[in-house]
Amino acid sequence: AMYYCATDFRGLFLTSRPCGGENADEYGSWGQGTQVTVSS
């Protein structure tokens, strides 16, 4: 896949999961991505 790092979290902070991570729309700043390819 193409792998992206993201920051500038703008979702809700939860005690058990303070940084979300399931919804890409909750992050406001993104890298350009780097490709990872795994062959059989």
PDB file of all heavy atoms in Angstrom:
ATOM      1  N   ALA A   1       0.850  -1.191   0.000  1.00  0.00           N
ATOM      2  CA  ALA A   1       0.000   0.000   0.000  1.00  0.00           C
ATOM      3  C   ALA A   1       0.884   1.239   0.000  1.00  0.00           C
ATOM      4  O   ALA A   1       2.106   1.160   0.162  1.00  0.00           O
ATOM      5  CB  ALA A   1      -0.927   0.021   1.221  1.00  0.00           C
ATOM      6  N   MET A   2       0.243   2.390  -0.178  1.00  0.00           N
ATOM      7  CA  MET A   2       0.892   3.658   0.074  1.00  0.00           C
ATOM      8  C   MET A   2       0.715   3.980   1.550  1.00  0.00           C
ATOM      9  O   MET A   2      -0.410   3.929   2.068  1.00  0.00           O
ATOM     10  CB  MET A   2       0.284   4.756  -0.796  1.00  0.00           C
ATOM     11  CG  MET A   2       0.992   6.097  -0.687  1.00  0.00           C
ATOM     12  SD  MET A   2       2.604   6.116  -1.516  1.00  0.00           S
ATOM     13  CE  MET A   2       2.092   6.161  -3.236  1.00  0.00           C
ATOM     14  N   TYR A   3       1.807   4.302   2.222  1.00  0.00           N
ATOM     15  CA  TYR A   3       1.787   4.556   3.654  1.00  0.00           C
ATOM     16  C   TYR A   3       1.934   6.047   3.929  1.00  0.00           C
ATOM     17  O   TYR A   3       2.801   6.719   3.361  1.00  0.00           O
ATOM     18  CB  TYR A   3       2.906   3.782   4.347  1.00  0.00           C
ATOM     19  CG  TYR A   3       2.595   2.317   4.522  1.00  0.00           C
ATOM     20  CD1 TYR A   3       2.489   1.473   3.422  1.00  0.00           C
ATOM     21  CD2 TYR A   3       2.391   1.779   5.792  1.00  0.00           C
ATOM     22  CE1 TYR A   3       2.182   0.133   3.573  1.00  0.00           C
ATOM     23  CE2 TYR A   3       2.095   0.435   5.955  1.00  0.00           C
ATOM     24  CZ  TYR A   3       1.988  -0.383   4.841  1.00  0.00           C
ATOM     25  OH  TYR A   3       1.690  -1.718   4.996  1.00  0.00           O
ATOM     26  N   TYR A   4       1.083   6.550   4.813  1.00  0.00           N
ATOM     27  CA  TYR A   4       1.055   7.965   5.146  1.00  0.00           C
ATOM     28  C   TYR A   4       1.191   8.165   6.649  1.00  0.00           C
ATOM     29  O   TYR A   4       0.587   7.432   7.430  1.00  0.00           O
ATOM     30  CB  TYR A   4      -0.270   8.610   4.716  1.00  0.00           C
ATOM     31  CG  TYR A   4      -0.595   8.510   3.247  1.00  0.00           C
ATOM     32  CD1 TYR A   4      -1.292   7.420   2.744  1.00  0.00           C
ATOM     33  CD2 TYR A   4      -0.230   9.520   2.369  1.00  0.00           C
ATOM     34  CE1 TYR A   4      -1.611   7.332   1.403  1.00  0.00           C
ATOM     35  CE2 TYR A   4      -0.546   9.444   1.026  1.00  0.00           C
ATOM     36  CZ  TYR A   4      -1.239   8.344   0.554  1.00  0.00           C
ATOM     37  OH  TYR A   4      -1.558   8.268  -0.778  1.00  0.00           O
ATOM     38  N   CYS A   5       1.944   9.159   7.047  1.00  0.00           N
ATOM     39  CA  CYS A   5       1.898   9.605   8.430  1.00  0.00           C
ATOM     40  C   CYS A   5       1.054  10.866   8.507  1.00  0.00           C
ATOM     41  O   CYS A   5       0.972  11.645   7.551  1.00  0.00           O
ATOM     42  CB  CYS A   5       3.295   9.849   9.009  1.00  0.00           C
ATOM     43  SG  CYS A   5       4.268  11.138   8.209  1.00  0.00           S
ATOM     44  N   ALA A   6       0.394  11.046   9.622  1.00  0.00           N
ATOM     45  CA  ALA A   6      -0.531  12.154   9.785  1.00  0.00           C
ATOM     46  C   ALA A   6      -0.444  12.709  11.196  1.00  0.00           C
ATOM     47  O   ALA A   6      -0.177  11.984  12.153  1.00  0.00           O
ATOM     48  CB  ALA A   6      -1.963  11.702   9.486  1.00  0.00           C
ATOM     49  N   THR A   7      -0.703  13.992  11.311  1.00  0.00           N
ATOM     50  CA  THR A   7      -0.749  14.648  12.614  1.00  0.00           C
ATOM     51  C   THR A   7      -1.818  15.731  12.577  1.00  0.00           C
ATOM     52  O   THR A   7      -2.641  15.759  11.672  1.00  0.00           O
ATOM     53  CB  THR A   7       0.642  15.185  13.001  1.00  0.00           C
ATOM     54  OG1 THR A   7       0.632  15.644  14.356  1.00  0.00           O
ATOM     55  CG2 THR A   7       1.065  16.314  12.073  1.00  0.00           C
ATOM     56  N   ASP A   8      -1.809  16.614  13.560  1.00  0.00           N
ATOM     57  CA  ASP A   8      -2.845  17.640  13.693  1.00  0.00           C
ATOM     58  C   ASP A   8      -4.210  16.982  13.904  1.00  0.00           C
ATOM     59  O   ASP A   8      -5.152  17.198  13.138  1.00  0.00           O
ATOM     60  CB  ASP A   8      -2.851  18.565  12.477  1.00  0.00           C
ATOM     61  CG  ASP A   8      -3.705  19.799  12.686  1.00  0.00           C
ATOM     62  OD1 ASP A   8      -4.021  20.133  13.845  1.00  0.00           O
ATOM     63  OD2 ASP A   8      -4.062  20.443  11.672  1.00  0.00           O
ATOM     64  N   PHE A   9      -4.293  16.175  14.962  1.00  0.00           N
ATOM     65  CA  PHE A   9      -5.533  15.490  15.296  1.00  0.00           C
ATOM     66  C   PHE A   9      -6.591  16.493  15.728  1.00  0.00           C
ATOM     67  O   PHE A   9      -6.340  17.366  16.565  1.00  0.00           O
ATOM     68  CB  PHE A   9      -5.278  14.476  16.414  1.00  0.00           C
ATOM     69  CG  PHE A   9      -6.480  13.687  16.835  1.00  0.00           C
ATOM     70  CD1 PHE A   9      -7.094  12.808  15.962  1.00  0.00           C
ATOM     71  CD2 PHE A   9      -6.982  13.810  18.122  1.00  0.00           C
ATOM     72  CE1 PHE A   9      -8.199  12.062  16.339  1.00  0.00           C
ATOM     73  CE2 PHE A   9      -8.084  13.071  18.510  1.00  0.00           C
ATOM     74  CZ  PHE A   9      -8.695  12.201  17.619  1.00  0.00           C
ATOM     75  N   ARG A  10      -7.780  16.360  15.182  1.00  0.00           N
ATOM     76  CA  ARG A  10      -8.885  17.277  15.478  1.00  0.00           C
ATOM     77  C   ARG A  10     -10.151  16.550  15.890  1.00  0.00           C
ATOM     78  O   ARG A  10     -11.245  17.117  15.844  1.00  0.00           O
ATOM     79  CB  ARG A  10      -9.157  18.170  14.266  1.00  0.00           C
ATOM     80  CG  ARG A  10      -9.362  17.411  12.966  1.00  0.00           C
ATOM     81  CD  ARG A  10      -9.235  18.358  11.779  1.00  0.00           C
ATOM     82  NE  ARG A  10      -9.445  17.676  10.516  1.00  0.00           N
ATOM     83  CZ  ARG A  10      -9.247  18.217   9.329  1.00  0.00           C
ATOM     84  NH1 ARG A  10      -8.826  19.481   9.244  1.00  0.00           N
ATOM     85  NH2 ARG A  10      -9.454  17.520   8.220  1.00  0.00           N
ATOM     86  N   GLY A  11     -10.019  15.294  16.277  1.00  0.00           N
ATOM     87  CA  GLY A  11     -11.141  14.527  16.781  1.00  0.00           C
ATOM     88  C   GLY A  11     -11.243  14.623  18.292  1.00  0.00           C
ATOM     89  O   GLY A  11     -10.643  15.489  18.934  1.00  0.00           O
ATOM     90  N   LEU A  12     -12.014  13.717  18.851  1.00  0.00           N
ATOM     91  CA  LEU A  12     -12.219  13.684  20.288  1.00  0.00           C
ATOM     92  C   LEU A  12     -11.131  12.872  20.972  1.00  0.00           C
ATOM     93  O   LEU A  12     -10.771  11.791  20.512  1.00  0.00           O
ATOM     94  CB  LEU A  12     -13.591  13.092  20.620  1.00  0.00           C
ATOM     95  CG  LEU A  12     -14.817  13.890  20.187  1.00  0.00           C
ATOM     96  CD1 LEU A  12     -16.079  13.117  20.532  1.00  0.00           C
ATOM     97  CD2 LEU A  12     -14.830  15.263  20.842  1.00  0.00           C
ATOM     98  N   PHE A  13     -10.635  13.399  22.087  1.00  0.00           N
ATOM     99  CA  PHE A  13      -9.672  12.664  22.900  1.00  0.00           C
ATOM    100  C   PHE A  13     -10.422  11.792  23.899  1.00  0.00           C
ATOM    101  O   PHE A  13     -11.235  12.291  24.676  1.00  0.00           O
ATOM    102  CB  PHE A  13      -8.745  13.628  23.637  1.00  0.00           C
ATOM    103  CG  PHE A  13      -7.721  14.275  22.765  1.00  0.00           C
ATOM    104  CD1 PHE A  13      -7.982  15.474  22.129  1.00  0.00           C
ATOM    105  CD2 PHE A  13      -6.476  13.691  22.581  1.00  0.00           C
ATOM    106  CE1 PHE A  13      -7.038  16.074  21.316  1.00  0.00           C
ATOM    107  CE2 PHE A  13      -5.513  14.285  21.777  1.00  0.00           C
ATOM    108  CZ  PHE A  13      -5.805  15.483  21.144  1.00  0.00           C
ATOM    109  N   LEU A  14     -10.155  10.511  23.863  1.00  0.00           N
ATOM    110  CA  LEU A  14     -10.738   9.557  24.782  1.00  0.00           C
ATOM    111  C   LEU A  14      -9.657   9.022  25.705  1.00  0.00           C
ATOM    112  O   LEU A  14      -8.501   8.870  25.300  1.00  0.00           O
ATOM    113  CB  LEU A  14     -11.403   8.403  24.035  1.00  0.00           C
ATOM    114  CG  LEU A  14     -12.483   8.781  23.019  1.00  0.00           C
ATOM    115  CD1 LEU A  14     -12.972   7.538  22.293  1.00  0.00           C
ATOM    116  CD2 LEU A  14     -13.637   9.487  23.715  1.00  0.00           C
ATOM    117  N   THR A  15     -10.044   8.743  26.935  1.00  0.00           N
ATOM    118  CA  THR A  15      -9.078   8.231  27.900  1.00  0.00           C
ATOM    119  C   THR A  15      -8.423   6.948  27.411  1.00  0.00           C
ATOM    120  O   THR A  15      -7.211   6.762  27.544  1.00  0.00           O
ATOM    121  CB  THR A  15      -9.756   7.993  29.255  1.00  0.00           C
ATOM    122  OG1 THR A  15     -10.308   9.223  29.736  1.00  0.00           O
ATOM    123  CG2 THR A  15      -8.747   7.470  30.273  1.00  0.00           C
ATOM    124  N   SER A  16      -9.218   6.063  26.822  1.00  0.00           N
ATOM    125  CA  SER A  16      -8.703   4.780  26.375  1.00  0.00           C
ATOM    126  C   SER A  16      -8.025   4.845  25.012  1.00  0.00           C
ATOM    127  O   SER A  16      -7.206   3.985  24.684  1.00  0.00           O
ATOM    128  CB  SER A  16      -9.830   3.755  26.340  1.00  0.00           C
ATOM    129  OG  SER A  16     -10.867   4.173  25.465  1.00  0.00           O
ATOM    130  N   ARG A  17      -8.366   5.845  24.216  1.00  0.00           N
ATOM    131  CA  ARG A  17      -7.815   5.977  22.872  1.00  0.00           C
ATOM    132  C   ARG A  17      -7.727   7.463  22.530  1.00  0.00           C
ATOM    133  O   ARG A  17      -8.593   8.007  21.835  1.00  0.00           O
ATOM    134  CB  ARG A  17      -8.665   5.228  21.855  1.00  0.00           C
ATOM    135  CG  ARG A  17      -7.999   5.045  20.499  1.00  0.00           C
ATOM    136  CD  ARG A  17      -8.902   4.265  19.560  1.00  0.00           C
ATOM    137  NE  ARG A  17      -8.312   4.137  18.239  1.00  0.00           N
ATOM    138  CZ  ARG A  17      -7.620   3.090  17.813  1.00  0.00           C
ATOM    139  NH1 ARG A  17      -7.447   2.043  18.626  1.00  0.00           N
ATOM    140  NH2 ARG A  17      -7.107   3.061  16.600  1.00  0.00           N
ATOM    141  N   PRO A  18      -6.682   8.146  22.975  1.00  0.00           N
ATOM    142  CA  PRO A  18      -6.639   9.610  22.878  1.00  0.00           C
ATOM    143  C   PRO A  18      -6.426  10.168  21.475  1.00  0.00           C
ATOM    144  O   PRO A  18      -6.676  11.355  21.252  1.00  0.00           O
ATOM    145  CB  PRO A  18      -5.469   9.980  23.800  1.00  0.00           C
ATOM    146  CG  PRO A  18      -4.597   8.771  23.807  1.00  0.00           C
ATOM    147  CD  PRO A  18      -5.542   7.617  23.742  1.00  0.00           C
ATOM    148  N   CYS A  19      -5.977   9.370  20.523  1.00  0.00           N
ATOM    149  CA  CYS A  19      -5.625   9.884  19.205  1.00  0.00           C
ATOM    150  C   CYS A  19      -6.426   9.282  18.066  1.00  0.00           C
ATOM    151  O   CYS A  19      -6.016   9.385  16.901  1.00  0.00           O
ATOM    152  CB  CYS A  19      -4.130   9.676  18.941  1.00  0.00           C
ATOM    153  SG  CYS A  19      -3.030  10.561  20.071  1.00  0.00           S
ATOM    154  N   GLY A  20      -7.551   8.671  18.363  1.00  0.00           N
ATOM    155  CA  GLY A  20      -8.379   8.104  17.319  1.00  0.00           C
ATOM    156  C   GLY A  20      -7.602   7.117  16.474  1.00  0.00           C
ATOM    157  O   GLY A  20      -7.046   6.151  16.993  1.00  0.00           O
ATOM    158  N   GLY A  21      -7.572   7.372  15.158  1.00  0.00           N
ATOM    159  CA  GLY A  21      -6.777   6.559  14.266  1.00  0.00           C
ATOM    160  C   GLY A  21      -7.574   5.747  13.254  1.00  0.00           C
ATOM    161  O   GLY A  21      -6.982   5.157  12.346  1.00  0.00           O
ATOM    162  N   GLU A  22      -8.886   5.707  13.391  1.00  0.00           N
ATOM    163  CA  GLU A  22      -9.718   4.960  12.465  1.00  0.00           C
ATOM    164  C   GLU A  22     -10.249   5.825  11.336  1.00  0.00           C
ATOM    165  O   GLU A  22     -10.507   5.324  10.240  1.00  0.00           O
ATOM    166  CB  GLU A  22     -10.897   4.315  13.207  1.00  0.00           C
ATOM    167  CG  GLU A  22     -10.490   3.319  14.286  1.00  0.00           C
ATOM    168  CD  GLU A  22      -9.812   2.092  13.709  1.00  0.00           C
ATOM    169  OE1 GLU A  22     -10.148   1.718  12.568  1.00  0.00           O
ATOM    170  OE2 GLU A  22      -8.958   1.498  14.390  1.00  0.00           O
ATOM    171  N   ASN A  23     -10.391   7.115  11.585  1.00  0.00           N
ATOM    172  CA  ASN A  23     -10.990   8.040  10.628  1.00  0.00           C
ATOM    173  C   ASN A  23      -9.935   9.022  10.126  1.00  0.00           C
ATOM    174  O   ASN A  23      -9.439   9.853  10.892  1.00  0.00           O
ATOM    175  CB  ASN A  23     -12.160   8.773  11.271  1.00  0.00           C
ATOM    176  CG  ASN A  23     -12.916   9.640  10.299  1.00  0.00           C
ATOM    177  OD1 ASN A  23     -12.557   9.750   9.124  1.00  0.00           O
ATOM    178  ND2 ASN A  23     -13.975  10.278  10.785  1.00  0.00           N
ATOM    179  N   ALA A  24      -9.618   8.954   8.854  1.00  0.00           N
ATOM    180  CA  ALA A  24      -8.598   9.835   8.285  1.00  0.00           C
ATOM    181  C   ALA A  24      -9.008  11.297   8.333  1.00  0.00           C
ATOM    182  O   ALA A  24      -8.150  12.182   8.374  1.00  0.00           O
ATOM    183  CB  ALA A  24      -8.289   9.420   6.845  1.00  0.00           C
ATOM    184  N   ASP A  25     -10.308  11.560   8.355  1.00  0.00           N
ATOM    185  CA  ASP A  25     -10.789  12.941   8.385  1.00  0.00           C
ATOM    186  C   ASP A  25     -10.488  13.641   9.701  1.00  0.00           C
ATOM    187  O   ASP A  25     -10.612  14.864   9.781  1.00  0.00           O
ATOM    188  CB  ASP A  25     -12.295  12.982   8.123  1.00  0.00           C
ATOM    189  CG  ASP A  25     -12.650  12.604   6.701  1.00  0.00           C
ATOM    190  OD1 ASP A  25     -11.789  12.757   5.812  1.00  0.00           O
ATOM    191  OD2 ASP A  25     -13.795  12.160   6.479  1.00  0.00           O
ATOM    192  N   GLU A  26     -10.099  12.896  10.724  1.00  0.00           N
ATOM    193  CA  GLU A  26      -9.779  13.485  12.016  1.00  0.00           C
ATOM    194  C   GLU A  26      -8.366  14.040  12.080  1.00  0.00           C
ATOM    195  O   GLU A  26      -7.989  14.632  13.094  1.00  0.00           O
ATOM    196  CB  GLU A  26      -9.989  12.456  13.133  1.00  0.00           C
ATOM    197  CG  GLU A  26     -11.451  12.056  13.336  1.00  0.00           C
ATOM    198  CD  GLU A  26     -11.632  11.034  14.427  1.00  0.00           C
ATOM    199  OE1 GLU A  26     -10.722  10.201  14.633  1.00  0.00           O
ATOM    200  OE2 GLU A  26     -12.688  11.063  15.096  1.00  0.00           O
ATOM    201  N   TYR A  27      -7.589  13.864  11.023  1.00  0.00           N
ATOM    202  CA  TYR A  27      -6.220  14.386  10.976  1.00  0.00           C
ATOM    203  C   TYR A  27      -6.116  15.458   9.905  1.00  0.00           C
ATOM    204  O   TYR A  27      -6.609  15.292   8.786  1.00  0.00           O
ATOM    205  CB  TYR A  27      -5.214  13.259  10.733  1.00  0.00           C
ATOM    206  CG  TYR A  27      -4.926  12.485  11.990  1.00  0.00           C
ATOM    207  CD1 TYR A  27      -5.770  11.480  12.427  1.00  0.00           C
ATOM    208  CD2 TYR A  27      -3.808  12.808  12.764  1.00  0.00           C
ATOM    209  CE1 TYR A  27      -5.519  10.799  13.599  1.00  0.00           C
ATOM    210  CE2 TYR A  27      -3.550  12.119  13.932  1.00  0.00           C
ATOM    211  CZ  TYR A  27      -4.400  11.118  14.351  1.00  0.00           C
ATOM    212  OH  TYR A  27      -4.142  10.439  15.522  1.00  0.00           O
ATOM    213  N   GLY A  28      -5.443  16.553  10.251  1.00  0.00           N
ATOM    214  CA  GLY A  28      -5.399  17.701   9.371  1.00  0.00           C
ATOM    215  C   GLY A  28      -4.128  17.896   8.582  1.00  0.00           C
ATOM    216  O   GLY A  28      -4.133  18.633   7.594  1.00  0.00           O
ATOM    217  N   SER A  29      -3.035  17.261   8.977  1.00  0.00           N
ATOM    218  CA  SER A  29      -1.753  17.418   8.289  1.00  0.00           C
ATOM    219  C   SER A  29      -1.227  16.057   7.868  1.00  0.00           C
ATOM    220  O   SER A  29      -1.118  15.149   8.691  1.00  0.00           O
ATOM    221  CB  SER A  29      -0.735  18.128   9.189  1.00  0.00           C
ATOM    222  OG  SER A  29      -1.160  19.438   9.508  1.00  0.00           O
ATOM    223  N   TRP A  30      -0.870  15.948   6.590  1.00  0.00           N
ATOM    224  CA  TRP A  30      -0.484  14.667   6.007  1.00  0.00           C
ATOM    225  C   TRP A  30       0.827  14.770   5.244  1.00  0.00           C
ATOM    226  O   TRP A  30       1.109  15.794   4.612  1.00  0.00           O
ATOM    227  CB  TRP A  30      -1.564  14.171   5.042  1.00  0.00           C
ATOM    228  CG  TRP A  30      -2.837  13.799   5.714  1.00  0.00           C
ATOM    229  CD1 TRP A  30      -3.821  14.635   6.137  1.00  0.00           C
ATOM    230  CD2 TRP A  30      -3.260  12.475   6.035  1.00  0.00           C
ATOM    231  NE1 TRP A  30      -4.839  13.914   6.714  1.00  0.00           N
ATOM    232  CE2 TRP A  30      -4.530  12.588   6.665  1.00  0.00           C
ATOM    233  CE3 TRP A  30      -2.702  11.216   5.850  1.00  0.00           C
ATOM    234  CZ2 TRP A  30      -5.235  11.476   7.115  1.00  0.00           C
ATOM    235  CZ3 TRP A  30      -3.398  10.110   6.293  1.00  0.00           C
ATOM    236  CH2 TRP A  30      -4.656  10.252   6.915  1.00  0.00           C
ATOM    237  N   GLY A  31       1.596  13.689   5.309  1.00  0.00           N
ATOM    238  CA  GLY A  31       2.742  13.574   4.439  1.00  0.00           C
ATOM    239  C   GLY A  31       2.309  13.192   3.034  1.00  0.00           C
ATOM    240  O   GLY A  31       1.136  12.913   2.766  1.00  0.00           O
ATOM    241  N   GLN A  32       3.266  13.165   2.118  1.00  0.00           N
ATOM    242  CA  GLN A  32       2.981  12.831   0.728  1.00  0.00           C
ATOM    243  C   GLN A  32       2.848  11.334   0.486  1.00  0.00           C
ATOM    244  O   GLN A  32       2.345  10.922  -0.558  1.00  0.00           O
ATOM    245  CB  GLN A  32       4.064  13.405  -0.184  1.00  0.00           C
ATOM    246  CG  GLN A  32       4.078  14.925  -0.226  1.00  0.00           C
ATOM    247  CD  GLN A  32       2.768  15.490  -0.728  1.00  0.00           C
ATOM    248  OE1 GLN A  32       2.294  15.120  -1.811  1.00  0.00           O
ATOM    249  NE2 GLN A  32       2.169  16.387   0.053  1.00  0.00           N
ATOM    250  N   GLY A  33       3.276  10.519   1.433  1.00  0.00           N
ATOM    251  CA  GLY A  33       3.163   9.083   1.320  1.00  0.00           C
ATOM    252  C   GLY A  33       4.434   8.435   0.800  1.00  0.00           C
ATOM    253  O   GLY A  33       5.217   9.046   0.078  1.00  0.00           O
ATOM    254  N   THR A  34       4.627   7.181   1.173  1.00  0.00           N
ATOM    255  CA  THR A  34       5.747   6.395   0.687  1.00  0.00           C
ATOM    256  C   THR A  34       5.248   4.987   0.372  1.00  0.00           C
ATOM    257  O   THR A  34       4.485   4.401   1.135  1.00  0.00           O
ATOM    258  CB  THR A  34       6.903   6.369   1.709  1.00  0.00           C
ATOM    259  OG1 THR A  34       8.028   5.682   1.159  1.00  0.00           O
ATOM    260  CG2 THR A  34       6.491   5.703   3.016  1.00  0.00           C
ATOM    261  N   GLN A  35       5.648   4.458  -0.774  1.00  0.00           N
ATOM    262  CA  GLN A  35       5.129   3.182  -1.252  1.00  0.00           C
ATOM    263  C   GLN A  35       5.844   2.012  -0.592  1.00  0.00           C
ATOM    264  O   GLN A  35       7.080   1.983  -0.514  1.00  0.00           O
ATOM    265  CB  GLN A  35       5.274   3.083  -2.773  1.00  0.00           C
ATOM    266  CG  GLN A  35       4.783   1.769  -3.370  1.00  0.00           C
ATOM    267  CD  GLN A  35       3.278   1.603  -3.262  1.00  0.00           C
ATOM    268  OE1 GLN A  35       2.535   2.571  -3.417  1.00  0.00           O
ATOM    269  NE2 GLN A  35       2.841   0.384  -2.993  1.00  0.00           N
ATOM    270  N   VAL A  36       5.058   1.041  -0.138  1.00  0.00           N
ATOM    271  CA  VAL A  36       5.576  -0.218   0.385  1.00  0.00           C
ATOM    272  C   VAL A  36       5.010  -1.343  -0.470  1.00  0.00           C
ATOM    273  O   VAL A  36       3.794  -1.471  -0.612  1.00  0.00           O
ATOM    274  CB  VAL A  36       5.187  -0.425   1.860  1.00  0.00           C
ATOM    275  CG1 VAL A  36       5.547  -1.838   2.318  1.00  0.00           C
ATOM    276  CG2 VAL A  36       5.873   0.610   2.737  1.00  0.00           C
ATOM    277  N   THR A  37       5.892  -2.143  -1.042  1.00  0.00           N
ATOM    278  CA  THR A  37       5.488  -3.257  -1.892  1.00  0.00           C
ATOM    279  C   THR A  37       6.104  -4.539  -1.361  1.00  0.00           C
ATOM    280  O   THR A  37       7.324  -4.628  -1.197  1.00  0.00           O
ATOM    281  CB  THR A  37       5.924  -3.027  -3.348  1.00  0.00           C
ATOM    282  OG1 THR A  37       5.347  -1.813  -3.842  1.00  0.00           O
ATOM    283  CG2 THR A  37       5.477  -4.185  -4.225  1.00  0.00           C
ATOM    284  N   VAL A  38       5.262  -5.526  -1.105  1.00  0.00           N
ATOM    285  CA  VAL A  38       5.703  -6.812  -0.573  1.00  0.00           C
ATOM    286  C   VAL A  38       5.344  -7.884  -1.589  1.00  0.00           C
ATOM    287  O   VAL A  38       4.172  -8.086  -1.907  1.00  0.00           O
ATOM    288  CB  VAL A  38       5.062  -7.124   0.782  1.00  0.00           C
ATOM    289  CG1 VAL A  38       5.635  -8.418   1.353  1.00  0.00           C
ATOM    290  CG2 VAL A  38       5.278  -5.970   1.749  1.00  0.00           C
ATOM    291  N   SER A  39       6.340  -8.578  -2.089  1.00  0.00           N
ATOM    292  CA  SER A  39       6.132  -9.601  -3.110  1.00  0.00           C
ATOM    293  C   SER A  39       6.074 -10.982  -2.482  1.00  0.00           C
ATOM    294  O   SER A  39       6.637 -11.237  -1.414  1.00  0.00           O
ATOM    295  CB  SER A  39       7.241  -9.548  -4.153  1.00  0.00           C
ATOM    296  OG  SER A  39       8.511  -9.770  -3.565  1.00  0.00           O
ATOM    297  N   SER A  40       5.407 -11.901  -3.188  1.00  0.00           N
ATOM    298  CA  SER A  40       5.268 -13.275  -2.708  1.00  0.00           C
ATOM    299  C   SER A  40       6.577 -14.032  -2.852  1.00  0.00           C
ATOM    300  O   SER A  40       7.397 -13.741  -3.720  1.00  0.00           O
ATOM    301  CB  SER A  40       4.163 -14.003  -3.479  1.00  0.00           C
ATOM    302  OG  SER A  40       2.926 -13.347  -3.341  1.00  0.00           O
TER     303      SER A  40
END
